[in-house]
Amino acid sequence: MKAIRVSEYGGPSVLKLEDVPTPQPGPGQVLVRNHAVGVNPVDTYLRANVDNRGPKLPYTPGSDCAGVVEGVGADVKSVKPGDRVYVGGTVSGAYAGQAVANEAQVHPLAPNVSFAQGAAMNVPYATAYHALFNRGRGEAGETLLVHGASGGVGVGAVQLARARGMTVIGTAGTEKGRRLVLEQGAHHALDHTAANYLDEITRLTGGKGVDIILEMLANVNLAKDFGVLAMRGRVVVIGNRGAIEWNPRAAMNKDADVRGMSLNHATPRELAGIHAALVEGLRNGTLRPVIGQELPLGQAARSHEAVMEPGHHGKIVLIP
């Protein structure tokens, strides 16, 4: 089968399309023929070995994909060959024609959902859910600010928050992005490149501020977030690309929390709850992943450039 392989850490050019043996499922594992593969920013960090977190070389990148079950190992009971599924985490790597995953990583994909949308579920939507509800403790009636709401995680957060009954303010850097944010259910969409956009948040909340901020770029925004945070508000840090200087008194003055999160740290019980909610949200149409670009698997290098470009909208997927 065809797969993307990384034999050395570096830039996007290290992503090479190669012929490799088709993996076989062991006990408790599932073999999926991929119809779409999700590309996530974390894939680029691992490829570049940022913070020495890169996988052992050589490897096939990716954790998210969607397709049809082709085979199952012993003791697998929840899926069978022919089932449509999306995958959240793999044993063999997702950037490939086929992938092996553990049974708990494989989830049913409703017939009304495209494979590209299924490949957009795990990292974006599971991250949004974990940040908003498990870490942020978001509740109906609260007000949420999503920085960078036009990306994959941001779109997921907007849809999930509206379904929970929250008031949603999203930001995006382009007019197209702001239209997308409103189309996905945000009550307000603001331009985070405008000098006074934080003043607009204060006005929209009647001076109270927002209860939760989902922070996609903490090194740029965190020090300013507390100016629009409500008393006892929570900032959940999802993304960050550098160090900052920050005065902790800003948190003290509002009894506020700054909470880090990583989907990798979710417990098995949390993951089971996350995906139970996502599967149902897809089935009933509450969750509607937005696909920004579909590229052939052989253009994985271009996908890694695109996923890191400022202002990109929706989810980028590879088609094997």
Protein backbone atom coordinates (compact mmCIF):
# COMPACT_ATOMS: atom_id res chain seq x y z
CA MET A 1 0.00 0.00 0.00
CA LYS A 2 0.98 3.66 -0.29
CA ALA A 3 1.92 5.53 2.87
CA ILE A 4 3.72 8.69 3.90
CA ARG A 5 6.96 7.91 5.72
CA VAL A 6 9.24 10.15 7.77
CA SER A 7 12.84 8.92 7.97
CA GLU A 8 14.38 12.12 9.34
CA TYR A 9 13.04 15.06 11.31
CA GLY A 10 12.73 18.36 9.49
CA GLY A 11 10.49 20.49 7.29
CA PRO A 12 7.55 19.33 5.16
CA SER A 13 9.91 17.94 2.52
CA VAL A 14 10.76 14.97 4.77
CA LEU A 15 7.26 13.57 4.13
CA LYS A 16 7.79 10.91 1.44
CA LEU A 17 5.21 8.77 -0.34
CA GLU A 18 6.41 5.16 -0.32
CA ASP A 19 5.22 1.59 -0.87
CA VAL A 20 4.99 -0.30 2.43
CA PRO A 21 3.48 -3.63 3.51
CA THR A 22 -0.17 -3.52 4.52
CA PRO A 23 -0.42 -3.77 8.33
CA GLN A 24 -2.38 -6.63 9.85
CA PRO A 25 -4.65 -6.36 12.90
CA GLY A 26 -3.65 -8.25 16.02
CA PRO A 27 -5.96 -9.24 18.89
CA GLY A 28 -8.24 -6.36 19.84
CA GLN A 29 -7.26 -4.38 16.72
CA VAL A 30 -9.07 -3.20 13.60
CA LEU A 31 -7.81 -2.70 10.04
CA VAL A 32 -9.42 0.28 8.27
CA ARG A 33 -9.19 1.14 4.58
CA ASN A 34 -8.84 4.90 4.67
CA HIS A 35 -10.99 7.13 2.51
CA ALA A 36 -9.81 10.36 4.16
CA VAL A 37 -7.02 11.37 6.57
CA GLY A 38 -7.08 14.38 8.88
CA VAL A 39 -4.11 16.76 9.03
CA ASN A 40 -3.49 18.51 12.36
CA PRO A 41 -0.96 21.11 13.55
CA VAL A 42 0.43 18.59 16.05
CA ASP A 43 1.50 16.44 13.09
CA THR A 44 3.87 19.22 12.03
CA TYR A 45 5.36 19.55 15.53
CA LEU A 46 6.08 15.82 15.67
CA ARG A 47 7.57 15.85 12.18
CA ALA A 48 9.93 18.67 13.19
CA ASN A 49 10.69 17.01 16.56
CA VAL A 50 9.66 20.12 18.49
CA ASP A 51 10.47 19.66 22.21
CA ASN A 52 12.00 16.26 21.35
CA ARG A 53 8.54 14.71 21.05
CA GLY A 54 9.03 13.18 17.61
CA PRO A 55 8.16 9.48 17.19
CA LYS A 56 10.87 6.90 16.71
CA LEU A 57 12.12 7.00 13.12
CA PRO A 58 11.00 5.94 10.59
CA TYR A 59 7.26 6.37 11.08
CA THR A 60 3.97 7.08 9.32
CA PRO A 61 2.40 10.31 10.61
CA GLY A 62 -1.14 11.03 11.64
CA SER A 63 -3.76 9.92 14.13
CA ASP A 64 -7.07 10.78 12.42
CA CYS A 65 -8.74 8.99 9.53
CA ALA A 66 -12.06 7.65 8.32
CA GLY A 67 -13.01 4.75 6.10
CA VAL A 68 -14.38 1.23 6.06
CA VAL A 69 -13.42 -1.66 8.32
CA GLU A 70 -11.51 -4.22 6.26
CA GLY A 71 -10.56 -6.72 8.93
CA VAL A 72 -10.66 -7.32 12.69
CA GLY A 73 -8.45 -9.20 15.10
CA ALA A 74 -9.51 -11.67 17.74
CA ASP A 75 -11.93 -10.47 20.44
CA VAL A 76 -13.13 -7.40 18.50
CA LYS A 77 -16.87 -7.06 19.05
CA SER A 78 -17.91 -3.44 18.43
CA VAL A 79 -17.24 -3.31 14.65
CA LYS A 80 -17.14 -5.74 11.72
CA PRO A 81 -15.84 -5.67 8.14
CA GLY A 82 -17.85 -3.25 6.00
CA ASP A 83 -18.67 -0.82 8.81
CA ARG A 84 -18.12 2.91 8.19
CA VAL A 85 -15.93 4.35 10.96
CA TYR A 86 -13.79 7.25 12.00
CA VAL A 87 -10.56 6.64 13.85
CA GLY A 88 -9.06 8.58 16.73
CA GLY A 89 -5.51 7.36 17.12
CA THR A 90 -3.77 4.52 15.29
CA VAL A 91 -1.14 1.86 15.88
CA SER A 92 0.38 2.10 12.39
CA GLY A 93 -0.12 5.78 11.42
CA ALA A 94 -2.98 7.44 9.55
CA TYR A 95 -1.26 8.93 6.47
CA ALA A 96 -1.72 5.70 4.50
CA GLY A 97 -4.11 3.69 2.39
CA GLN A 98 -4.88 1.45 5.36
CA ALA A 99 -4.34 1.79 9.10
CA VAL A 100 -4.51 -0.43 12.15
CA ALA A 101 -6.10 0.92 15.33
CA ASN A 102 -7.09 -0.49 18.69
CA GLU A 103 -10.79 -1.27 19.00
CA ALA A 104 -11.38 1.59 21.48
CA GLN A 105 -9.98 4.06 18.91
CA VAL A 106 -12.57 3.14 16.26
CA HIS A 107 -15.98 4.83 16.27
CA PRO A 108 -19.11 4.44 14.12
CA LEU A 109 -19.60 6.98 11.33
CA ALA A 110 -23.21 7.77 10.49
CA PRO A 111 -24.25 7.36 6.82
CA ASN A 112 -25.15 11.06 6.58
CA VAL A 113 -21.50 12.05 7.27
CA SER A 114 -18.77 12.10 4.61
CA PHE A 115 -15.46 10.33 5.14
CA ALA A 116 -13.71 13.72 4.96
CA GLN A 117 -15.91 14.94 7.81
CA GLY A 118 -15.18 11.77 9.76
CA ALA A 119 -11.45 12.41 9.39
CA ALA A 120 -12.06 15.87 10.89
CA MET A 121 -13.47 14.53 14.15
CA ASN A 122 -10.81 13.22 16.49
CA VAL A 123 -8.21 15.87 17.19
CA PRO A 124 -10.34 18.95 16.36
CA TYR A 125 -13.67 17.99 17.90
CA ALA A 126 -12.36 15.83 20.73
CA THR A 127 -9.94 18.62 21.65
CA ALA A 128 -12.75 21.18 21.58
CA TYR A 129 -14.98 18.96 23.74
CA HIS A 130 -12.24 18.15 26.25
CA ALA A 131 -11.21 21.80 26.53
CA LEU A 132 -14.72 23.19 26.78
CA PHE A 133 -16.42 20.67 29.05
CA ASN A 134 -13.84 18.52 30.85
CA ARG A 135 -11.25 21.23 31.47
CA GLY A 136 -13.29 24.43 31.12
CA ARG A 137 -16.45 23.09 32.82
CA GLY A 138 -18.61 25.03 30.37
CA GLU A 139 -22.29 25.24 31.27
CA ALA A 140 -25.49 26.37 29.59
CA GLY A 141 -26.06 30.09 30.01
CA GLU A 142 -22.36 30.96 30.14
CA THR A 143 -20.55 33.10 27.58
CA LEU A 144 -17.63 31.66 25.61
CA LEU A 145 -14.89 33.40 23.63
CA VAL A 146 -13.17 31.24 21.01
CA HIS A 147 -9.94 32.75 19.68
CA GLY A 148 -9.34 31.55 16.14
CA ALA A 149 -12.83 30.16 15.71
CA SER A 150 -12.56 29.53 11.96
CA GLY A 151 -10.07 26.63 12.29
CA GLY A 152 -10.89 22.97 12.88
CA VAL A 153 -10.89 23.13 16.70
CA GLY A 154 -12.61 26.51 16.68
CA VAL A 155 -15.49 25.37 14.46
CA GLY A 156 -15.96 22.33 16.68
CA ALA A 157 -16.02 24.48 19.80
CA VAL A 158 -18.61 26.85 18.33
CA GLN A 159 -20.95 24.01 17.38
CA LEU A 160 -20.52 22.19 20.70
CA ALA A 161 -21.07 25.34 22.74
CA ARG A 162 -24.23 26.28 20.87
CA ALA A 163 -25.59 22.78 21.37
CA ARG A 164 -24.96 23.15 25.12
CA GLY A 165 -26.83 26.48 25.25
CA MET A 166 -23.91 28.88 25.61
CA THR A 167 -23.53 32.36 24.14
CA VAL A 168 -20.63 32.22 21.70
CA ILE A 169 -18.24 34.93 20.55
CA GLY A 170 -15.72 33.83 17.95
CA THR A 171 -12.79 35.63 16.33
CA ALA A 172 -11.20 35.27 12.91
CA GLY A 173 -8.68 37.31 10.97
CA THR A 174 -10.51 37.51 7.63
CA GLU A 175 -13.99 38.44 6.46
CA LYS A 176 -14.41 34.94 5.03
CA GLY A 177 -13.43 33.44 8.36
CA ARG A 178 -15.89 35.60 10.28
CA ARG A 179 -18.72 34.62 7.93
CA LEU A 180 -17.85 30.98 8.54
CA VAL A 181 -17.87 31.49 12.31
CA LEU A 182 -21.37 33.00 12.16
CA GLU A 183 -22.60 30.26 9.82
CA GLN A 184 -21.47 27.64 12.37
CA GLY A 185 -23.58 29.19 15.10
CA ALA A 186 -21.59 31.92 16.85
CA HIS A 187 -23.70 34.83 18.07
CA HIS A 188 -20.91 37.29 17.28
CA ALA A 189 -17.79 37.15 15.09
CA LEU A 190 -14.99 39.68 15.67
CA ASP A 191 -11.82 40.60 13.81
CA HIS A 192 -8.88 39.74 16.08
CA THR A 193 -6.58 41.81 13.88
CA ALA A 194 -8.51 45.00 14.77
CA ALA A 195 -6.93 47.16 17.46
CA ASN A 196 -10.13 47.52 19.52
CA TYR A 197 -11.73 44.09 19.24
CA LEU A 198 -11.36 43.43 22.98
CA ASP A 199 -13.37 46.58 23.70
CA GLU A 200 -16.15 45.12 21.57
CA ILE A 201 -16.20 41.98 23.76
CA THR A 202 -16.63 44.15 26.85
CA ARG A 203 -19.54 45.93 25.17
CA LEU A 204 -21.20 42.72 24.01
CA THR A 205 -21.14 41.29 27.54
CA GLY A 206 -22.38 44.48 29.20
CA GLY A 207 -19.07 44.89 31.01
CA LYS A 208 -19.32 41.47 32.70
CA GLY A 209 -16.80 39.70 30.48
CA VAL A 210 -16.78 36.12 29.22
CA ASP A 211 -16.91 33.06 31.46
CA ILE A 212 -14.58 30.88 29.38
CA ILE A 213 -11.88 31.61 26.81
CA LEU A 214 -10.58 28.87 24.54
CA GLU A 215 -7.09 30.13 23.74
CA MET A 216 -5.52 28.90 20.50
CA LEU A 217 -2.47 31.21 20.56
CA ALA A 218 -1.56 31.92 24.17
CA ASN A 219 1.77 33.61 23.46
CA VAL A 220 -0.11 36.34 21.58
CA ASN A 221 -3.34 36.62 23.57
CA LEU A 222 -3.04 35.32 27.13
CA ALA A 223 -1.76 38.49 28.78
CA LYS A 224 -4.71 40.40 27.27
CA ASP A 225 -7.38 37.78 27.92
CA PHE A 226 -7.88 38.79 31.54
CA GLY A 227 -9.17 42.20 30.48
CA VAL A 228 -12.29 40.55 29.04
CA LEU A 229 -12.61 37.63 31.47
CA ALA A 230 -15.48 37.58 33.94
CA MET A 231 -15.00 37.14 37.67
CA ARG A 232 -14.04 33.50 38.35
CA GLY A 233 -13.58 32.95 34.63
CA ARG A 234 -11.45 30.22 33.05
CA VAL A 235 -8.89 30.38 30.25
CA VAL A 236 -8.16 27.00 28.67
CA VAL A 237 -4.89 26.99 26.72
CA ILE A 238 -5.19 24.80 23.62
CA GLY A 239 -2.38 26.27 21.53
CA ASN A 240 0.84 28.19 22.13
CA ARG A 241 3.92 29.00 20.04
CA GLY A 242 6.26 30.84 22.36
CA ALA A 243 7.08 32.29 25.79
CA ILE A 244 5.43 35.39 27.26
CA GLU A 245 5.88 37.79 30.16
CA TRP A 246 2.71 37.90 32.23
CA ASN A 247 1.69 39.35 35.60
CA PRO A 248 -0.19 36.70 37.64
CA ARG A 249 -2.03 39.48 39.51
CA ALA A 250 -4.32 39.66 36.48
CA ALA A 251 -5.63 36.23 37.49
CA MET A 252 -5.65 37.04 41.19
CA ASN A 253 -7.82 40.11 40.66
CA LYS A 254 -10.61 37.98 39.19
CA ASP A 255 -10.14 34.66 41.00
CA ALA A 256 -9.50 33.38 37.49
CA ASP A 257 -8.00 30.09 36.34
CA VAL A 258 -5.56 29.33 33.55
CA ARG A 259 -5.91 25.69 32.61
CA GLY A 260 -3.67 23.81 30.23
CA MET A 261 -5.00 20.90 28.23
CA SER A 262 -3.79 18.16 25.94
CA LEU A 263 -6.05 15.55 24.42
CA ASN A 264 -3.29 13.02 25.06
CA HIS A 265 -3.91 13.43 28.78
CA ALA A 266 -7.63 12.59 28.65
CA THR A 267 -8.42 9.47 30.66
CA PRO A 268 -9.98 6.40 29.00
CA ARG A 269 -13.26 7.25 30.70
CA GLU A 270 -13.10 10.84 29.43
CA LEU A 271 -12.30 9.65 25.90
CA ALA A 272 -15.24 7.25 25.95
CA GLY A 273 -17.55 10.08 26.98
CA ILE A 274 -16.10 12.48 24.40
CA HIS A 275 -16.62 10.09 21.50
CA ALA A 276 -20.07 8.99 22.65
CA ALA A 277 -21.08 12.66 22.41
CA LEU A 278 -19.34 13.19 19.06
CA VAL A 279 -20.86 10.09 17.46
CA GLU A 280 -24.36 11.21 18.46
CA GLY A 281 -23.69 14.81 17.41
CA LEU A 282 -22.72 13.62 13.94
CA ARG A 283 -25.72 11.33 13.73
CA ASN A 284 -28.26 13.99 14.64
CA GLY A 285 -26.63 16.77 12.63
CA THR A 286 -25.62 18.96 15.56
CA LEU A 287 -21.97 18.61 14.58
CA ARG A 288 -21.05 19.50 11.00
CA PRO A 289 -17.30 19.49 10.30
CA VAL A 290 -16.27 22.06 7.70
CA ILE A 291 -13.73 20.83 5.15
CA GLY A 292 -11.41 23.55 3.94
CA GLN A 293 -9.18 21.58 1.55
CA GLU A 294 -8.91 18.05 0.20
CA LEU A 295 -5.47 17.07 -1.15
CA PRO A 296 -4.09 13.79 -2.52
CA LEU A 297 -2.05 11.74 -0.05
CA GLY A 298 1.06 12.44 -2.11
CA GLN A 299 0.70 16.15 -1.31
CA ALA A 300 1.20 15.64 2.42
CA ALA A 301 4.06 18.17 2.39
CA ARG A 302 1.72 20.84 1.02
CA SER A 303 -0.89 19.94 3.63
CA HIS A 304 1.66 20.59 6.40
CA GLU A 305 2.34 24.03 4.95
CA ALA A 306 -1.37 24.80 4.60
CA VAL A 307 -2.36 23.73 8.12
CA MET A 308 0.08 26.25 9.61
CA GLU A 309 -0.87 29.19 7.37
CA PRO A 310 -2.59 32.09 9.16
CA GLY A 311 -6.25 32.43 8.32
CA HIS A 312 -6.85 28.96 6.88
CA HIS A 313 -10.46 27.88 7.29
CA GLY A 314 -11.95 24.54 8.16
CA LYS A 315 -10.23 21.17 8.11
CA ILE A 316 -7.49 19.98 5.76
CA VAL A 317 -7.74 16.33 4.74
CA LEU A 318 -5.68 13.97 2.60
CA ILE A 319 -7.33 11.51 0.21
CA PRO A 320 -5.40 8.20 -0.21
